Amino acid sequence: MLGKLTKHELIASGRMLIPMYIALICASVVGKLFIWLSSKEAFIESVPVTFSKIVNSISSLFTVLYIIMIIVVLIATTLFILIRFYKNYYTDEGYLMFTLPVSSKSLILSKLFSALIWTIVSAAIVLGSIALIMNSEETQHSFKMMWEEFMRLLERMAPEMDLSVGGLITEGILVILVAIISKYLMFYTAIAAGPSFSSKNKIVGSIIAYVVITILSQIVSLIMMYLLTNIMPNYIEALNQNAGQAVQSTVVATGIINIIFCVIFFFVTDHLMKTKTNLD
């Protein structure tokens, strides 16, 4: 049933998100065309001065709009995911959702899996869009040099962290994914706790809950980071003598903290959905 719920959520979310991603890709193609035209000296010199100024002006304006569009896509993806969680479970739609023969845990997980997938897709679309619009021999050379320098940095850091380059990359990806999951679960907890903070306006209650949870989580994070780094062997010594080991200890501690928060937020949200859900 969890698979069916996740599939349904992906399809339903896709009706809104996919057109937005297609629009971004189309904008990249149009932007690439204007950049290409403005870079062709032969073309600029062969057309009237007024037309060439128009092309350059549109190209500059489009660059600004394109950057804004990227920001909007990234923010809108997250907001849409959170809005769907709220609408599906804490508005009139909740009456239908909570009558399904599934546990609240499955309801949370289906939203979480969908959110994670769409977050990865949106990041990939944005990066692909940027690569398309910036693709040229000059930028290819620059990115190649940056990538080679990045790999050399990983090759220097990996031995100090007692990892292979592949292991270091895998660890980094896992830490990022856990951080994303933790952040979404924190949002879900805030939404679920919203009615407890303000029964008249659940959205205001959710915002208040988010602020409270953020402050508490930051305090707990600092305490847990202090405890974890101090029980790790030779952390202070590594900090002074081996930057790689210090980074590794910090990354591991951060990952552990985020995993603990994931578990806490998940079960708190599950409890609130079972006992504190108010659809009035």
C-alpha atoms as a PDB file:
ATOM      1  CA  MET A   1       0.000   0.000   0.000  1.00  0.00           C
ATOM      2  CA  LEU A   2       2.907   2.346   0.710  1.00  0.00           C
ATOM      3  CA  GLY A   3       4.082   1.894  -2.870  1.00  0.00           C
ATOM      4  CA  LYS A   4       0.637   2.775  -4.224  1.00  0.00           C
ATOM      5  CA  LEU A   5       0.412   5.839  -1.993  1.00  0.00           C
ATOM      6  CA  THR A   6       3.864   7.024  -3.084  1.00  0.00           C
ATOM      7  CA  LYS A   7       3.034   6.427  -6.758  1.00  0.00           C
ATOM      8  CA  HIS A   8      -0.210   8.381  -6.411  1.00  0.00           C
ATOM      9  CA  GLU A   9       1.607  11.222  -4.649  1.00  0.00           C
ATOM     10  CA  LEU A  10       4.313  11.373  -7.324  1.00  0.00           C
ATOM     11  CA  ILE A  11       1.714  11.525 -10.101  1.00  0.00           C
ATOM     12  CA  ALA A  12      -0.411  14.128  -8.319  1.00  0.00           C
ATOM     13  CA  SER A  13       2.614  16.308  -7.536  1.00  0.00           C
ATOM     14  CA  GLY A  14       3.953  15.880 -11.044  1.00  0.00           C
ATOM     15  CA  ARG A  15       0.881  17.545 -12.548  1.00  0.00           C
ATOM     16  CA  MET A  16       2.051  20.790 -10.955  1.00  0.00           C
ATOM     17  CA  LEU A  17       5.823  20.392 -10.817  1.00  0.00           C
ATOM     18  CA  ILE A  18       6.602  18.905 -14.235  1.00  0.00           C
ATOM     19  CA  PRO A  19       5.121  21.856 -16.214  1.00  0.00           C
ATOM     20  CA  MET A  20       7.232  24.185 -14.072  1.00  0.00           C
ATOM     21  CA  TYR A  21      10.369  22.164 -14.852  1.00  0.00           C
ATOM     22  CA  ILE A  22       9.518  22.096 -18.564  1.00  0.00           C
ATOM     23  CA  ALA A  23       9.093  25.880 -18.462  1.00  0.00           C
ATOM     24  CA  LEU A  24      12.562  26.210 -16.918  1.00  0.00           C
ATOM     25  CA  ILE A  25      14.104  24.003 -19.605  1.00  0.00           C
ATOM     26  CA  CYS A  26      12.330  26.001 -22.343  1.00  0.00           C
ATOM     27  CA  ALA A  27      13.601  29.199 -20.762  1.00  0.00           C
ATOM     28  CA  SER A  28      17.121  27.743 -20.861  1.00  0.00           C
ATOM     29  CA  VAL A  29      16.788  27.031 -24.582  1.00  0.00           C
ATOM     30  CA  VAL A  30      15.515  30.567 -25.280  1.00  0.00           C
ATOM     31  CA  GLY A  31      18.233  32.061 -23.093  1.00  0.00           C
ATOM     32  CA  LYS A  32      20.869  30.001 -24.864  1.00  0.00           C
ATOM     33  CA  LEU A  33      19.602  31.331 -28.205  1.00  0.00           C
ATOM     34  CA  PHE A  34      19.882  34.972 -27.096  1.00  0.00           C
ATOM     35  CA  ILE A  35      23.325  34.394 -25.584  1.00  0.00           C
ATOM     36  CA  TRP A  36      24.430  32.725 -28.819  1.00  0.00           C
ATOM     37  CA  LEU A  37      23.083  35.594 -30.946  1.00  0.00           C
ATOM     38  CA  SER A  38      24.677  38.293 -28.786  1.00  0.00           C
ATOM     39  CA  SER A  39      28.030  36.481 -28.909  1.00  0.00           C
ATOM     40  CA  LYS A  40      28.117  36.322 -32.723  1.00  0.00           C
ATOM     41  CA  GLU A  41      29.993  39.412 -33.834  1.00  0.00           C
ATOM     42  CA  ALA A  42      29.266  38.743 -37.511  1.00  0.00           C
ATOM     43  CA  PHE A  43      25.530  38.673 -36.788  1.00  0.00           C
ATOM     44  CA  ILE A  44      25.620  41.779 -34.575  1.00  0.00           C
ATOM     45  CA  GLU A  45      27.547  43.724 -37.202  1.00  0.00           C
ATOM     46  CA  SER A  46      25.239  42.634 -40.040  1.00  0.00           C
ATOM     47  CA  VAL A  47      22.008  43.877 -38.442  1.00  0.00           C
ATOM     48  CA  PRO A  48      20.890  47.420 -37.621  1.00  0.00           C
ATOM     49  CA  VAL A  49      22.383  48.915 -34.465  1.00  0.00           C
ATOM     50  CA  THR A  50      18.931  49.251 -32.897  1.00  0.00           C
ATOM     51  CA  PHE A  51      18.230  45.553 -33.395  1.00  0.00           C
ATOM     52  CA  SER A  52      21.572  44.501 -31.916  1.00  0.00           C
ATOM     53  CA  LYS A  53      20.904  46.715 -28.863  1.00  0.00           C
ATOM     54  CA  ILE A  54      17.495  45.084 -28.481  1.00  0.00           C
ATOM     55  CA  VAL A  55      19.085  41.624 -28.606  1.00  0.00           C
ATOM     56  CA  ASN A  56      21.712  42.577 -26.010  1.00  0.00           C
ATOM     57  CA  SER A  57      19.092  44.194 -23.764  1.00  0.00           C
ATOM     58  CA  ILE A  58      16.792  41.177 -23.959  1.00  0.00           C
ATOM     59  CA  SER A  59      19.747  38.891 -23.253  1.00  0.00           C
ATOM     60  CA  SER A  60      20.694  40.883 -20.138  1.00  0.00           C
ATOM     61  CA  LEU A  61      17.085  41.079 -18.939  1.00  0.00           C
ATOM     62  CA  PHE A  62      16.559  37.399 -19.580  1.00  0.00           C
ATOM     63  CA  THR A  63      19.640  36.539 -17.508  1.00  0.00           C
ATOM     64  CA  VAL A  64      18.138  38.318 -14.492  1.00  0.00           C
ATOM     65  CA  LEU A  65      14.726  36.720 -15.031  1.00  0.00           C
ATOM     66  CA  TYR A  66      16.347  33.313 -15.484  1.00  0.00           C
ATOM     67  CA  ILE A  67      18.161  33.562 -12.137  1.00  0.00           C
ATOM     68  CA  ILE A  68      14.884  34.569 -10.477  1.00  0.00           C
ATOM     69  CA  MET A  69      13.146  31.648 -12.194  1.00  0.00           C
ATOM     70  CA  ILE A  70      15.707  29.170 -10.815  1.00  0.00           C
ATOM     71  CA  ILE A  71      15.172  30.486  -7.285  1.00  0.00           C
ATOM     72  CA  VAL A  72      11.399  30.318  -7.737  1.00  0.00           C
ATOM     73  CA  VAL A  73      11.562  26.713  -8.999  1.00  0.00           C
ATOM     74  CA  LEU A  74      13.623  25.554  -6.021  1.00  0.00           C
ATOM     75  CA  ILE A  75      11.463  27.373  -3.463  1.00  0.00           C
ATOM     76  CA  ALA A  76       8.176  26.491  -5.195  1.00  0.00           C
ATOM     77  CA  THR A  77       9.056  22.779  -5.184  1.00  0.00           C
ATOM     78  CA  THR A  78       9.495  22.769  -1.417  1.00  0.00           C
ATOM     79  CA  LEU A  79       6.445  24.956  -0.786  1.00  0.00           C
ATOM     80  CA  PHE A  80       4.228  22.832  -3.030  1.00  0.00           C
ATOM     81  CA  ILE A  81       5.321  19.646  -1.234  1.00  0.00           C
ATOM     82  CA  LEU A  82       4.496  21.187   2.161  1.00  0.00           C
ATOM     83  CA  ILE A  83       1.191  22.606   0.940  1.00  0.00           C
ATOM     84  CA  ARG A  84       0.149  19.161  -0.309  1.00  0.00           C
ATOM     85  CA  PHE A  85       0.984  17.637   3.087  1.00  0.00           C
ATOM     86  CA  TYR A  86      -1.128  20.283   4.819  1.00  0.00           C
ATOM     87  CA  LYS A  87      -4.063  20.116   2.376  1.00  0.00           C
ATOM     88  CA  ASN A  88      -4.176  16.318   2.217  1.00  0.00           C
ATOM     89  CA  TYR A  89      -4.078  15.758   5.970  1.00  0.00           C
ATOM     90  CA  TYR A  90      -5.255  18.950   7.683  1.00  0.00           C
ATOM     91  CA  THR A  91      -8.095  20.259   5.523  1.00  0.00           C
ATOM     92  CA  ASP A  92     -11.353  18.652   4.395  1.00  0.00           C
ATOM     93  CA  GLU A  93      -9.310  16.238   2.242  1.00  0.00           C
ATOM     94  CA  GLY A  94      -8.072  14.725   5.499  1.00  0.00           C
ATOM     95  CA  TYR A  95     -11.450  13.074   6.096  1.00  0.00           C
ATOM     96  CA  LEU A  96     -10.853  10.962   2.997  1.00  0.00           C
ATOM     97  CA  MET A  97      -7.159  10.327   3.580  1.00  0.00           C
ATOM     98  CA  PHE A  98      -7.646   9.126   7.161  1.00  0.00           C
ATOM     99  CA  THR A  99     -10.347   6.686   6.092  1.00  0.00           C
ATOM    100  CA  LEU A 100      -7.852   4.788   3.937  1.00  0.00           C
ATOM    101  CA  PRO A 101      -6.870   1.378   5.355  1.00  0.00           C
ATOM    102  CA  VAL A 102      -3.272   2.455   5.944  1.00  0.00           C
ATOM    103  CA  SER A 103      -1.318   3.555   8.988  1.00  0.00           C
ATOM    104  CA  SER A 104      -0.339   7.159   9.629  1.00  0.00           C
ATOM    105  CA  LYS A 105       3.279   6.033   9.258  1.00  0.00           C
ATOM    106  CA  SER A 106       2.577   5.006   5.661  1.00  0.00           C
ATOM    107  CA  LEU A 107       0.881   8.350   5.005  1.00  0.00           C
ATOM    108  CA  ILE A 108       3.961  10.185   6.275  1.00  0.00           C
ATOM    109  CA  LEU A 109       6.419   7.973   4.397  1.00  0.00           C
ATOM    110  CA  SER A 110       4.557   8.316   1.086  1.00  0.00           C
ATOM    111  CA  LYS A 111       4.807  12.105   1.351  1.00  0.00           C
ATOM    112  CA  LEU A 112       8.433  11.888   2.454  1.00  0.00           C
ATOM    113  CA  PHE A 113       9.539   9.606  -0.404  1.00  0.00           C
ATOM    114  CA  SER A 114       7.748  11.807  -2.925  1.00  0.00           C
ATOM    115  CA  ALA A 115       9.295  14.949  -1.421  1.00  0.00           C
ATOM    116  CA  LEU A 116      12.783  13.461  -1.561  1.00  0.00           C
ATOM    117  CA  ILE A 117      12.368  12.334  -5.177  1.00  0.00           C
ATOM    118  CA  TRP A 118      11.007  15.695  -6.357  1.00  0.00           C
ATOM    119  CA  THR A 119      13.736  17.563  -4.475  1.00  0.00           C
ATOM    120  CA  ILE A 120      16.402  15.508  -6.254  1.00  0.00           C
ATOM    121  CA  VAL A 121      14.626  15.953  -9.598  1.00  0.00           C
ATOM    122  CA  SER A 122      14.330  19.720  -9.134  1.00  0.00           C
ATOM    123  CA  ALA A 123      18.028  20.007  -8.269  1.00  0.00           C
ATOM    124  CA  ALA A 124      18.946  17.904 -11.318  1.00  0.00           C
ATOM    125  CA  ILE A 125      16.691  20.006 -13.591  1.00  0.00           C
ATOM    126  CA  VAL A 126      18.200  23.245 -12.308  1.00  0.00           C
ATOM    127  CA  LEU A 127      21.771  21.986 -12.713  1.00  0.00           C
ATOM    128  CA  GLY A 128      20.987  20.626 -16.185  1.00  0.00           C
ATOM    129  CA  SER A 129      19.355  23.920 -17.137  1.00  0.00           C
ATOM    130  CA  ILE A 130      22.395  25.886 -15.979  1.00  0.00           C
ATOM    131  CA  ALA A 131      24.712  23.507 -17.849  1.00  0.00           C
ATOM    132  CA  LEU A 132      22.645  23.969 -21.020  1.00  0.00           C
ATOM    133  CA  ILE A 133      22.558  27.753 -20.919  1.00  0.00           C
ATOM    134  CA  MET A 134      26.242  28.075 -20.002  1.00  0.00           C
ATOM    135  CA  ASN A 135      27.516  25.409 -22.370  1.00  0.00           C
ATOM    136  CA  SER A 136      30.393  26.736 -24.482  1.00  0.00           C
ATOM    137  CA  GLU A 137      34.007  25.838 -25.188  1.00  0.00           C
ATOM    138  CA  GLU A 138      35.185  28.425 -22.673  1.00  0.00           C
ATOM    139  CA  THR A 139      32.857  27.292 -19.877  1.00  0.00           C
ATOM    140  CA  GLN A 140      33.561  23.634 -20.640  1.00  0.00           C
ATOM    141  CA  HIS A 141      37.259  24.314 -20.146  1.00  0.00           C
ATOM    142  CA  SER A 142      36.579  26.244 -16.921  1.00  0.00           C
ATOM    143  CA  PHE A 143      34.301  23.530 -15.509  1.00  0.00           C
ATOM    144  CA  LYS A 144      36.830  20.872 -16.480  1.00  0.00           C
ATOM    145  CA  MET A 145      39.556  22.706 -14.552  1.00  0.00           C
ATOM    146  CA  MET A 146      37.219  23.199 -11.568  1.00  0.00           C
ATOM    147  CA  TRP A 147      36.252  19.509 -11.609  1.00  0.00           C
ATOM    148  CA  GLU A 148      39.907  18.417 -11.780  1.00  0.00           C
ATOM    149  CA  GLU A 149      40.769  20.727  -8.879  1.00  0.00           C
ATOM    150  CA  PHE A 150      37.784  19.384  -6.910  1.00  0.00           C
ATOM    151  CA  MET A 151      38.879  15.781  -7.497  1.00  0.00           C
ATOM    152  CA  ARG A 152      42.443  16.627  -6.435  1.00  0.00           C
ATOM    153  CA  LEU A 153      41.018  18.124  -3.243  1.00  0.00           C
ATOM    154  CA  LEU A 154      39.048  14.923  -2.578  1.00  0.00           C
ATOM    155  CA  GLU A 155      42.145  12.826  -3.267  1.00  0.00           C
ATOM    156  CA  ARG A 156      44.033  14.829  -0.653  1.00  0.00           C
ATOM    157  CA  MET A 157      41.219  14.725   1.904  1.00  0.00           C
ATOM    158  CA  ALA A 158      40.188  11.066   1.508  1.00  0.00           C
ATOM    159  CA  PRO A 159      43.360   9.487   3.020  1.00  0.00           C
ATOM    160  CA  GLU A 160      43.226  11.903   5.968  1.00  0.00           C
ATOM    161  CA  MET A 161      39.627  10.824   6.587  1.00  0.00           C
ATOM    162  CA  ASP A 162      40.505   7.111   6.214  1.00  0.00           C
ATOM    163  CA  LEU A 163      38.237   6.830   3.163  1.00  0.00           C
ATOM    164  CA  SER A 164      38.550   6.236  -0.541  1.00  0.00           C
ATOM    165  CA  VAL A 165      37.476   9.004  -2.922  1.00  0.00           C
ATOM    166  CA  GLY A 166      34.352   6.985  -3.749  1.00  0.00           C
ATOM    167  CA  GLY A 167      33.644   6.476  -0.066  1.00  0.00           C
ATOM    168  CA  LEU A 168      34.053  10.180   0.611  1.00  0.00           C
ATOM    169  CA  ILE A 169      31.629  11.091  -2.179  1.00  0.00           C
ATOM    170  CA  THR A 170      29.137   8.458  -0.978  1.00  0.00           C
ATOM    171  CA  GLU A 171      29.386   9.730   2.571  1.00  0.00           C
ATOM    172  CA  GLY A 172      28.769  13.292   1.415  1.00  0.00           C
ATOM    173  CA  ILE A 173      25.698  12.287  -0.601  1.00  0.00           C
ATOM    174  CA  LEU A 174      24.265  10.302   2.318  1.00  0.00           C
ATOM    175  CA  VAL A 175      24.799  13.176   4.756  1.00  0.00           C
ATOM    176  CA  ILE A 176      23.028  15.568   2.370  1.00  0.00           C
ATOM    177  CA  LEU A 177      20.102  13.162   1.855  1.00  0.00           C
ATOM    178  CA  VAL A 178      19.698  12.629   5.602  1.00  0.00           C
ATOM    179  CA  ALA A 179      19.773  16.414   6.135  1.00  0.00           C
ATOM    180  CA  ILE A 180      17.039  16.886   3.499  1.00  0.00           C
ATOM    181  CA  ILE A 181      14.899  14.145   5.055  1.00  0.00           C
ATOM    182  CA  SER A 182      15.378  15.661   8.506  1.00  0.00           C
ATOM    183  CA  LYS A 183      14.326  19.083   7.242  1.00  0.00           C
ATOM    184  CA  TYR A 184      11.147  17.767   5.596  1.00  0.00           C
ATOM    185  CA  LEU A 185      10.225  15.764   8.693  1.00  0.00           C
ATOM    186  CA  MET A 186      10.720  18.881  10.792  1.00  0.00           C
ATOM    187  CA  PHE A 187       8.297  20.733   8.500  1.00  0.00           C
ATOM    188  CA  TYR A 188       5.821  17.853   8.807  1.00  0.00           C
ATOM    189  CA  THR A 189       6.089  17.959  12.587  1.00  0.00           C
ATOM    190  CA  ALA A 190       5.451  21.706  12.587  1.00  0.00           C
ATOM    191  CA  ILE A 191       2.369  21.250  10.381  1.00  0.00           C
ATOM    192  CA  ALA A 192       1.091  18.408  12.570  1.00  0.00           C
ATOM    193  CA  ALA A 193       1.679  20.489  15.705  1.00  0.00           C
ATOM    194  CA  GLY A 194       0.025  23.571  14.197  1.00  0.00           C
ATOM    195  CA  PRO A 195      -3.483  22.892  15.576  1.00  0.00           C
ATOM    196  CA  SER A 196      -2.016  22.533  19.071  1.00  0.00           C
ATOM    197  CA  PHE A 197      -0.484  26.026  18.865  1.00  0.00           C
ATOM    198  CA  SER A 198      -3.488  27.697  17.229  1.00  0.00           C
ATOM    199  CA  SER A 199      -6.759  25.851  16.774  1.00  0.00           C
ATOM    200  CA  LYS A 200      -8.377  28.806  14.972  1.00  0.00           C
ATOM    201  CA  ASN A 201      -5.650  29.237  12.352  1.00  0.00           C
ATOM    202  CA  LYS A 202      -3.639  26.090  11.685  1.00  0.00           C
ATOM    203  CA  ILE A 203      -1.236  27.808   9.288  1.00  0.00           C
ATOM    204  CA  VAL A 204      -0.277  30.415  11.903  1.00  0.00           C
ATOM    205  CA  GLY A 205      -0.015  27.610  14.438  1.00  0.00           C
ATOM    206  CA  SER A 206       2.292  25.689  12.113  1.00  0.00           C
ATOM    207  CA  ILE A 207       4.532  28.738  11.656  1.00  0.00           C
ATOM    208  CA  ILE A 208       4.745  29.215  15.414  1.00  0.00           C
ATOM    209  CA  ALA A 209       5.445  25.498  15.855  1.00  0.00           C
ATOM    210  CA  TYR A 210       8.199  25.662  13.215  1.00  0.00           C
ATOM    211  CA  VAL A 211       9.905  28.565  14.987  1.00  0.00           C
ATOM    212  CA  VAL A 212       9.718  26.758  18.339  1.00  0.00           C
ATOM    213  CA  ILE A 213      10.973  23.475  16.865  1.00  0.00           C
ATOM    214  CA  THR A 214      13.811  25.261  15.039  1.00  0.00           C
ATOM    215  CA  ILE A 215      15.016  26.960  18.226  1.00  0.00           C
ATOM    216  CA  LEU A 216      14.797  23.750  20.251  1.00  0.00           C
ATOM    217  CA  SER A 217      16.502  21.681  17.545  1.00  0.00           C
ATOM    218  CA  GLN A 218      19.370  24.184  17.310  1.00  0.00           C
ATOM    219  CA  ILE A 219      19.914  24.029  21.063  1.00  0.00           C
ATOM    220  CA  VAL A 220      19.763  20.229  21.065  1.00  0.00           C
ATOM    221  CA  SER A 221      22.089  20.090  18.041  1.00  0.00           C
ATOM    222  CA  LEU A 222      24.735  22.166  19.813  1.00  0.00           C
ATOM    223  CA  ILE A 223      24.533  19.980  22.911  1.00  0.00           C
ATOM    224  CA  MET A 224      24.656  16.755  20.904  1.00  0.00           C
ATOM    225  CA  MET A 225      27.516  18.023  18.729  1.00  0.00           C
ATOM    226  CA  TYR A 226      29.486  18.889  21.844  1.00  0.00           C
ATOM    227  CA  LEU A 227      28.860  15.461  23.386  1.00  0.00           C
ATOM    228  CA  LEU A 228      29.554  13.487  20.208  1.00  0.00           C
ATOM    229  CA  THR A 229      32.766  15.294  19.299  1.00  0.00           C
ATOM    230  CA  ASN A 230      34.038  14.924  22.853  1.00  0.00           C
ATOM    231  CA  ILE A 231      33.420  11.180  23.064  1.00  0.00           C
ATOM    232  CA  MET A 232      35.099  10.669  19.684  1.00  0.00           C
ATOM    233  CA  PRO A 233      38.718   9.643  20.226  1.00  0.00           C
ATOM    234  CA  ASN A 234      41.332  12.398  19.963  1.00  0.00           C
ATOM    235  CA  TYR A 235      38.918  14.906  18.408  1.00  0.00           C
ATOM    236  CA  ILE A 236      40.659  17.980  19.872  1.00  0.00           C
ATOM    237  CA  GLU A 237      44.070  16.581  18.917  1.00  0.00           C
ATOM    238  CA  ALA A 238      42.816  15.819  15.405  1.00  0.00           C
ATOM    239  CA  LEU A 239      41.404  19.321  15.140  1.00  0.00           C
ATOM    240  CA  ASN A 240      44.862  20.750  15.802  1.00  0.00           C
ATOM    241  CA  GLN A 241      46.950  18.238  13.866  1.00  0.00           C
ATOM    242  CA  ASN A 242      44.789  16.517  11.236  1.00  0.00           C
ATOM    243  CA  ALA A 243      42.161  18.587   9.475  1.00  0.00           C
ATOM    244  CA  GLY A 244      40.828  15.544   7.621  1.00  0.00           C
ATOM    245  CA  GLN A 245      40.073  13.612  10.815  1.00  0.00           C
ATOM    246  CA  ALA A 246      38.439  16.682  12.334  1.00  0.00           C
ATOM    247  CA  VAL A 247      36.238  17.088   9.254  1.00  0.00           C
ATOM    248  CA  GLN A 248      35.354  13.385   9.312  1.00  0.00           C
ATOM    249  CA  SER A 249      34.425  13.519  12.988  1.00  0.00           C
ATOM    250  CA  THR A 250      32.266  16.604  12.380  1.00  0.00           C
ATOM    251  CA  VAL A 251      30.559  15.023   9.354  1.00  0.00           C
ATOM    252  CA  VAL A 252      29.845  11.802  11.248  1.00  0.00           C
ATOM    253  CA  ALA A 253      28.529  13.730  14.250  1.00  0.00           C
ATOM    254  CA  THR A 254      26.301  15.844  11.985  1.00  0.00           C
ATOM    255  CA  GLY A 255      24.987  12.726  10.266  1.00  0.00           C
ATOM    256  CA  ILE A 256      24.215  11.024  13.575  1.00  0.00           C
ATOM    257  CA  ILE A 257      22.413  14.123  14.877  1.00  0.00           C
ATOM    258  CA  ASN A 258      20.294  14.388  11.721  1.00  0.00           C
ATOM    259  CA  ILE A 259      19.407  10.687  11.893  1.00  0.00           C
ATOM    260  CA  ILE A 260      18.324  11.109  15.525  1.00  0.00           C
ATOM    261  CA  PHE A 261      16.206  14.117  14.519  1.00  0.00           C
ATOM    262  CA  CYS A 262      14.684  12.108  11.651  1.00  0.00           C
ATOM    263  CA  VAL A 263      13.556   9.433  14.081  1.00  0.00           C
ATOM    264  CA  ILE A 264      12.250  11.962  16.616  1.00  0.00           C
ATOM    265  CA  PHE A 265      10.370  14.059  14.048  1.00  0.00           C
ATOM    266  CA  PHE A 266       8.910  11.002  12.358  1.00  0.00           C
ATOM    267  CA  PHE A 267       7.473   9.478  15.527  1.00  0.00           C
ATOM    268  CA  VAL A 268       6.304  12.838  16.904  1.00  0.00           C
ATOM    269  CA  THR A 269       4.482  13.548  13.622  1.00  0.00           C
ATOM    270  CA  ASP A 270       2.997  10.043  13.676  1.00  0.00           C
ATOM    271  CA  HIS A 271       1.811  10.529  17.266  1.00  0.00           C
ATOM    272  CA  LEU A 272       0.303  13.936  16.512  1.00  0.00           C
ATOM    273  CA  MET A 273      -1.502  12.621  13.439  1.00  0.00           C
ATOM    274  CA  LYS A 274      -3.003   9.821  15.520  1.00  0.00           C
ATOM    275  CA  THR A 275      -4.029  11.838  18.551  1.00  0.00           C
ATOM    276  CA  LYS A 276      -4.068  15.562  17.776  1.00  0.00           C
ATOM    277  CA  THR A 277      -5.494  15.809  14.276  1.00  0.00           C
ATOM    278  CA  ASN A 278      -8.311  18.330  14.183  1.00  0.00           C
ATOM    279  CA  LEU A 279     -10.020  18.798  10.806  1.00  0.00           C
ATOM    280  CA  ASP A 280     -12.644  21.260  12.013  1.00  0.00           C
END
